[in-house]
PDB file of N, CA and C in Angstrom:
ATOM      1  N   UNK A   1     179.124 226.386 -66.736  1.00  0.00           N
ATOM      2  CA  UNK A   1     179.312 225.078 -66.148  1.00  0.00           C
ATOM      3  C   UNK A   1     179.157 223.967 -67.166  1.00  0.00           C
ATOM      4  N   UNK A   2     178.249 224.102 -68.077  1.00  0.00           N
ATOM      5  CA  UNK A   2     177.988 223.020 -69.010  1.00  0.00           C
ATOM      6  C   UNK A   2     178.780 223.168 -70.300  1.00  0.00           C
ATOM      7  N   UNK A   3     180.039 223.517 -70.193  1.00  0.00           N
ATOM      8  CA  UNK A   3     180.857 223.648 -71.393  1.00  0.00           C
ATOM      9  C   UNK A   3     181.746 222.419 -71.558  1.00  0.00           C
ATOM     10  N   UNK A   4     182.114 222.146 -72.777  1.00  0.00           N
ATOM     11  CA  UNK A   4     182.979 220.996 -73.046  1.00  0.00           C
ATOM     12  C   UNK A   4     184.373 221.200 -72.454  1.00  0.00           C
ATOM     13  N   UNK A   5     184.721 222.427 -72.143  1.00  0.00           N
ATOM     14  CA  UNK A   5     186.020 222.720 -71.546  1.00  0.00           C
ATOM     15  C   UNK A   5     186.162 222.190 -70.127  1.00  0.00           C
ATOM     16  N   UNK A   6     185.059 221.848 -69.481  1.00  0.00           N
ATOM     17  CA  UNK A   6     185.084 221.318 -68.121  1.00  0.00           C
ATOM     18  C   UNK A   6     185.172 219.798 -68.072  1.00  0.00           C
ATOM     19  N   UNK A   7     185.365 219.138 -69.192  1.00  0.00           N
ATOM     20  CA  UNK A   7     185.345 217.678 -69.241  1.00  0.00           C
ATOM     21  C   UNK A   7     186.393 217.062 -68.316  1.00  0.00           C
ATOM     22  N   UNK A   8     187.607 217.563 -68.327  1.00  0.00           N
ATOM     23  CA  UNK A   8     188.664 217.008 -67.468  1.00  0.00           C
ATOM     24  C   UNK A   8     188.310 217.148 -65.992  1.00  0.00           C
ATOM     25  N   UNK A   9     187.742 218.277 -65.618  1.00  0.00           N
ATOM     26  CA  UNK A   9     187.364 218.490 -64.216  1.00  0.00           C
ATOM     27  C   UNK A   9     186.198 217.584 -63.821  1.00  0.00           C
ATOM     28  N   UNK A  10     185.245 217.398 -64.700  1.00  0.00           N
ATOM     29  CA  UNK A  10     184.124 216.501 -64.402  1.00  0.00           C
ATOM     30  C   UNK A  10     184.613 215.068 -64.200  1.00  0.00           C
ATOM     31  N   UNK A  11     185.520 214.623 -65.021  1.00  0.00           N
ATOM     32  CA  UNK A  11     186.075 213.268 -64.882  1.00  0.00           C
ATOM     33  C   UNK A  11     186.859 213.156 -63.583  1.00  0.00           C
ATOM     34  N   UNK A  12     187.686 214.151 -63.280  1.00  0.00           N
ATOM     35  CA  UNK A  12     188.490 214.124 -62.056  1.00  0.00           C
ATOM     36  C   UNK A  12     187.603 214.092 -60.817  1.00  0.00           C
ATOM     37  N   UNK A  13     186.583 214.924 -60.788  1.00  0.00           N
ATOM     38  CA  UNK A  13     185.704 214.993 -59.625  1.00  0.00           C
ATOM     39  C   UNK A  13     184.860 213.730 -59.468  1.00  0.00           C
ATOM     40  N   UNK A  14     184.572 213.054 -60.552  1.00  0.00           N
ATOM     41  CA  UNK A  14     183.758 211.846 -60.446  1.00  0.00           C
ATOM     42  C   UNK A  14     184.509 210.702 -59.784  1.00  0.00           C
ATOM     43  N   UNK A  15     185.829 210.775 -59.751  1.00  0.00           N
ATOM     44  CA  UNK A  15     186.634 209.694 -59.174  1.00  0.00           C
ATOM     45  C   UNK A  15     187.450 210.119 -57.953  1.00  0.00           C
ATOM     46  N   UNK A  16     187.197 211.281 -57.394  1.00  0.00           N
ATOM     47  CA  UNK A  16     188.066 211.833 -56.351  1.00  0.00           C
ATOM     48  C   UNK A  16     187.803 211.259 -54.955  1.00  0.00           C
ATOM     49  N   UNK A  17     186.626 210.709 -54.708  1.00  0.00           N
ATOM     50  CA  UNK A  17     186.330 210.177 -53.372  1.00  0.00           C
ATOM     51  C   UNK A  17     186.139 208.666 -53.451  1.00  0.00           C
ATOM     52  N   UNK A  18     185.916 208.060 -52.296  1.00  0.00           N
ATOM     53  CA  UNK A  18     185.607 206.629 -52.273  1.00  0.00           C
ATOM     54  C   UNK A  18     184.467 206.357 -51.302  1.00  0.00           C
ATOM     55  N   UNK A  19     184.082 205.105 -51.161  1.00  0.00           N
ATOM     56  CA  UNK A  19     182.893 204.752 -50.379  1.00  0.00           C
ATOM     57  C   UNK A  19     183.033 205.001 -48.885  1.00  0.00           C
ATOM     58  N   UNK A  20     184.229 205.254 -48.390  1.00  0.00           N
ATOM     59  CA  UNK A  20     184.459 205.486 -46.960  1.00  0.00           C
ATOM     60  C   UNK A  20     184.525 206.964 -46.591  1.00  0.00           C
ATOM     61  N   UNK A  21     184.315 207.848 -47.536  1.00  0.00           N
ATOM     62  CA  UNK A  21     184.468 209.285 -47.282  1.00  0.00           C
ATOM     63  C   UNK A  21     183.129 209.996 -47.160  1.00  0.00           C
ATOM     64  N   UNK A  22     183.170 211.103 -46.434  1.00  0.00           N
ATOM     65  CA  UNK A  22     182.046 212.033 -46.360  1.00  0.00           C
ATOM     66  C   UNK A  22     182.459 213.276 -47.139  1.00  0.00           C
ATOM     67  N   UNK A  23     181.633 213.689 -48.076  1.00  0.00           N
ATOM     68  CA  UNK A  23     181.948 214.818 -48.950  1.00  0.00           C
ATOM     69  C   UNK A  23     181.076 216.008 -48.569  1.00  0.00           C
ATOM     70  N   UNK A  24     181.668 217.185 -48.461  1.00  0.00           N
ATOM     71  CA  UNK A  24     180.949 218.431 -48.217  1.00  0.00           C
ATOM     72  C   UNK A  24     181.255 219.368 -49.370  1.00  0.00           C
ATOM     73  N   UNK A  25     180.224 219.834 -50.051  1.00  0.00           N
ATOM     74  CA  UNK A  25     180.393 220.749 -51.176  1.00  0.00           C
ATOM     75  C   UNK A  25     179.704 222.063 -50.830  1.00  0.00           C
ATOM     76  N   UNK A  26     180.508 223.070 -50.515  1.00  0.00           N
ATOM     77  CA  UNK A  26     179.974 224.409 -50.283  1.00  0.00           C
ATOM     78  C   UNK A  26     179.768 225.070 -51.637  1.00  0.00           C
ATOM     79  N   UNK A  27     178.708 225.780 -51.802  1.00  0.00           N
ATOM     80  CA  UNK A  27     178.363 226.419 -53.075  1.00  0.00           C
ATOM     81  C   UNK A  27     178.168 225.358 -54.156  1.00  0.00           C
ATOM     82  N   UNK A  28     177.327 224.368 -53.874  1.00  0.00           N
ATOM     83  CA  UNK A  28     177.136 223.212 -54.745  1.00  0.00           C
ATOM     84  C   UNK A  28     176.394 223.528 -56.039  1.00  0.00           C
ATOM     85  N   UNK A  29     175.723 224.664 -56.082  1.00  0.00           N
ATOM     86  CA  UNK A  29     174.964 224.987 -57.291  1.00  0.00           C
ATOM     87  C   UNK A  29     173.848 223.983 -57.492  1.00  0.00           C
ATOM     88  N   UNK A  30     173.721 223.466 -58.699  1.00  0.00           N
ATOM     89  CA  UNK A  30     172.674 222.492 -59.006  1.00  0.00           C
ATOM     90  C   UNK A  30     173.183 221.056 -58.860  1.00  0.00           C
ATOM     91  N   UNK A  31     174.368 220.900 -58.327  1.00  0.00           N
ATOM     92  CA  UNK A  31     174.927 219.562 -58.143  1.00  0.00           C
ATOM     93  C   UNK A  31     175.685 219.059 -59.351  1.00  0.00           C
ATOM     94  N   UNK A  32     176.152 219.988 -60.136  1.00  0.00           N
ATOM     95  CA  UNK A  32     176.833 219.687 -61.396  1.00  0.00           C
ATOM     96  C   UNK A  32     177.951 218.652 -61.221  1.00  0.00           C
ATOM     97  N   UNK A  33     178.789 218.819 -60.219  1.00  0.00           N
ATOM     98  CA  UNK A  33     179.881 217.872 -59.989  1.00  0.00           C
ATOM     99  C   UNK A  33     179.482 216.767 -59.022  1.00  0.00           C
ATOM    100  N   UNK A  34     178.588 217.055 -58.100  1.00  0.00           N
ATOM    101  CA  UNK A  34     178.177 216.059 -57.111  1.00  0.00           C
ATOM    102  C   UNK A  34     177.411 214.897 -57.709  1.00  0.00           C
ATOM    103  N   UNK A  35     176.631 215.148 -58.732  1.00  0.00           N
ATOM    104  CA  UNK A  35     175.870 214.061 -59.346  1.00  0.00           C
ATOM    105  C   UNK A  35     176.802 212.987 -59.864  1.00  0.00           C
ATOM    106  N   UNK A  36     177.831 213.393 -60.558  1.00  0.00           N
ATOM    107  CA  UNK A  36     178.805 212.424 -61.092  1.00  0.00           C
ATOM    108  C   UNK A  36     179.532 211.717 -59.961  1.00  0.00           C
ATOM    109  N   UNK A  37     179.893 212.469 -58.930  1.00  0.00           N
ATOM    110  CA  UNK A  37     180.588 211.868 -57.792  1.00  0.00           C
ATOM    111  C   UNK A  37     179.702 210.840 -57.110  1.00  0.00           C
ATOM    112  N   UNK A  38     178.437 211.150 -56.924  1.00  0.00           N
ATOM    113  CA  UNK A  38     177.504 210.228 -56.268  1.00  0.00           C
ATOM    114  C   UNK A  38     177.357 208.935 -57.061  1.00  0.00           C
ATOM    115  N   UNK A  39     177.338 209.044 -58.370  1.00  0.00           N
ATOM    116  CA  UNK A  39     177.151 207.874 -59.219  1.00  0.00           C
ATOM    117  C   UNK A  39     178.409 207.027 -59.311  1.00  0.00           C
ATOM    118  N   UNK A  40     179.563 207.655 -59.514  1.00  0.00           N
ATOM    119  CA  UNK A  40     180.783 206.900 -59.809  1.00  0.00           C
ATOM    120  C   UNK A  40     181.643 206.586 -58.586  1.00  0.00           C
ATOM    121  N   UNK A  41     181.746 207.509 -57.642  1.00  0.00           N
ATOM    122  CA  UNK A  41     182.600 207.281 -56.467  1.00  0.00           C
ATOM    123  C   UNK A  41     181.826 206.673 -55.303  1.00  0.00           C
ATOM    124  N   UNK A  42     180.539 206.951 -55.245  1.00  0.00           N
ATOM    125  CA  UNK A  42     179.659 206.449 -54.194  1.00  0.00           C
ATOM    126  C   UNK A  42     180.197 206.697 -52.779  1.00  0.00           C
ATOM    127  N   UNK A  43     180.451 207.968 -52.424  1.00  0.00           N
ATOM    128  CA  UNK A  43     180.909 208.241 -51.059  1.00  0.00           C
ATOM    129  C   UNK A  43     179.840 207.868 -50.033  1.00  0.00           C
ATOM    130  N   UNK A  44     180.267 207.675 -48.815  1.00  0.00           N
ATOM    131  CA  UNK A  44     179.351 207.273 -47.733  1.00  0.00           C
ATOM    132  C   UNK A  44     178.213 208.275 -47.556  1.00  0.00           C
ATOM    133  N   UNK A  45     178.540 209.555 -47.594  1.00  0.00           N
ATOM    134  CA  UNK A  45     177.554 210.622 -47.378  1.00  0.00           C
ATOM    135  C   UNK A  45     177.997 211.850 -48.158  1.00  0.00           C
ATOM    136  N   UNK A  46     177.034 212.606 -48.661  1.00  0.00           N
ATOM    137  CA  UNK A  46     177.312 213.865 -49.357  1.00  0.00           C
ATOM    138  C   UNK A  46     176.467 214.959 -48.721  1.00  0.00           C
ATOM    139  N   UNK A  47     177.116 216.050 -48.329  1.00  0.00           N
ATOM    140  CA  UNK A  47     176.433 217.248 -47.852  1.00  0.00           C
ATOM    141  C   UNK A  47     176.630 218.329 -48.906  1.00  0.00           C
ATOM    142  N   UNK A  48     175.550 218.841 -49.456  1.00  0.00           N
ATOM    143  CA  UNK A  48     175.610 219.881 -50.470  1.00  0.00           C
ATOM    144  C   UNK A  48     174.975 221.143 -49.910  1.00  0.00           C
ATOM    145  N   UNK A  49     175.710 222.229 -49.927  1.00  0.00           N
ATOM    146  CA  UNK A  49     175.235 223.513 -49.397  1.00  0.00           C
ATOM    147  C   UNK A  49     175.077 224.503 -50.543  1.00  0.00           C
ATOM    148  N   UNK A  50     173.909 225.132 -50.605  1.00  0.00           N
ATOM    149  CA  UNK A  50     173.658 226.122 -51.649  1.00  0.00           C
ATOM    150  C   UNK A  50     172.709 227.180 -51.126  1.00  0.00           C
ATOM    151  N   UNK A  51     173.073 228.455 -51.261  1.00  0.00           N
ATOM    152  CA  UNK A  51     172.274 229.566 -50.755  1.00  0.00           C
ATOM    153  C   UNK A  51     171.242 230.064 -51.779  1.00  0.00           C
ATOM    154  N   UNK A  52     171.502 229.875 -53.042  1.00  0.00           N
ATOM    155  CA  UNK A  52     170.588 230.326 -54.087  1.00  0.00           C
ATOM    156  C   UNK A  52     169.357 229.401 -54.101  1.00  0.00           C
ATOM    157  N   UNK A  53     168.169 229.941 -53.821  1.00  0.00           N
ATOM    158  CA  UNK A  53     166.985 229.084 -53.707  1.00  0.00           C
ATOM    159  C   UNK A  53     166.608 228.370 -55.008  1.00  0.00           C
ATOM    160  N   UNK A  54     166.832 228.984 -56.135  1.00  0.00           N
ATOM    161  CA  UNK A  54     166.505 228.336 -57.412  1.00  0.00           C
ATOM    162  C   UNK A  54     167.453 227.162 -57.660  1.00  0.00           C
ATOM    163  N   UNK A  55     168.743 227.396 -57.463  1.00  0.00           N
ATOM    164  CA  UNK A  55     169.715 226.312 -57.628  1.00  0.00           C
ATOM    165  C   UNK A  55     169.459 225.208 -56.612  1.00  0.00           C
ATOM    166  N   UNK A  56     169.107 225.586 -55.382  1.00  0.00           N
ATOM    167  CA  UNK A  56     168.815 224.591 -54.346  1.00  0.00           C
ATOM    168  C   UNK A  56     167.633 223.707 -54.741  1.00  0.00           C
ATOM    169  N   UNK A  57     166.578 224.304 -55.324  1.00  0.00           N
ATOM    170  CA  UNK A  57     165.425 223.521 -55.753  1.00  0.00           C
ATOM    171  C   UNK A  57     165.829 222.468 -56.789  1.00  0.00           C
ATOM    172  N   UNK A  58     166.659 222.857 -57.756  1.00  0.00           N
ATOM    173  CA  UNK A  58     167.122 221.895 -58.745  1.00  0.00           C
ATOM    174  C   UNK A  58     168.013 220.827 -58.096  1.00  0.00           C
ATOM    175  N   UNK A  59     168.849 221.236 -57.177  1.00  0.00           N
ATOM    176  CA  UNK A  59     169.711 220.300 -56.461  1.00  0.00           C
ATOM    177  C   UNK A  59     168.871 219.292 -55.678  1.00  0.00           C
ATOM    178  N   UNK A  60     167.852 219.765 -54.983  1.00  0.00           N
ATOM    179  CA  UNK A  60     166.985 218.885 -54.186  1.00  0.00           C
ATOM    180  C   UNK A  60     166.213 217.920 -55.088  1.00  0.00           C
ATOM    181  N   UNK A  61     165.769 218.362 -56.233  1.00  0.00           N
ATOM    182  CA  UNK A  61     165.047 217.495 -57.163  1.00  0.00           C
ATOM    183  C   UNK A  61     165.951 216.407 -57.733  1.00  0.00           C
ATOM    184  N   UNK A  62     167.218 216.703 -57.868  1.00  0.00           N
ATOM    185  CA  UNK A  62     168.177 215.742 -58.411  1.00  0.00           C
ATOM    186  C   UNK A  62     168.443 214.629 -57.426  1.00  0.00           C
ATOM    187  N   UNK A  63     168.592 214.955 -56.154  1.00  0.00           N
ATOM    188  CA  UNK A  63     168.997 213.982 -55.160  1.00  0.00           C
ATOM    189  C   UNK A  63     167.864 213.408 -54.323  1.00  0.00           C
ATOM    190  N   UNK A  64     166.645 213.886 -54.480  1.00  0.00           N
ATOM    191  CA  UNK A  64     165.534 213.393 -53.644  1.00  0.00           C
ATOM    192  C   UNK A  64     164.580 212.542 -54.443  1.00  0.00           C
TER     193      UNK A  64
END
């Protein structure tokens, strides 16, 4: 996930929503793409779903 090869996707995802949208990310991981989206697109609401408890803990620490 943290490779320089993902730069185009990170940029695209950071601008894909707007302030009037609700975003749902299934298999959100640690919020790798959601963090950028939350900062730059500022959607109305973000729902992040993650089954891996370790990844979920990091995700919760990022957004709480």
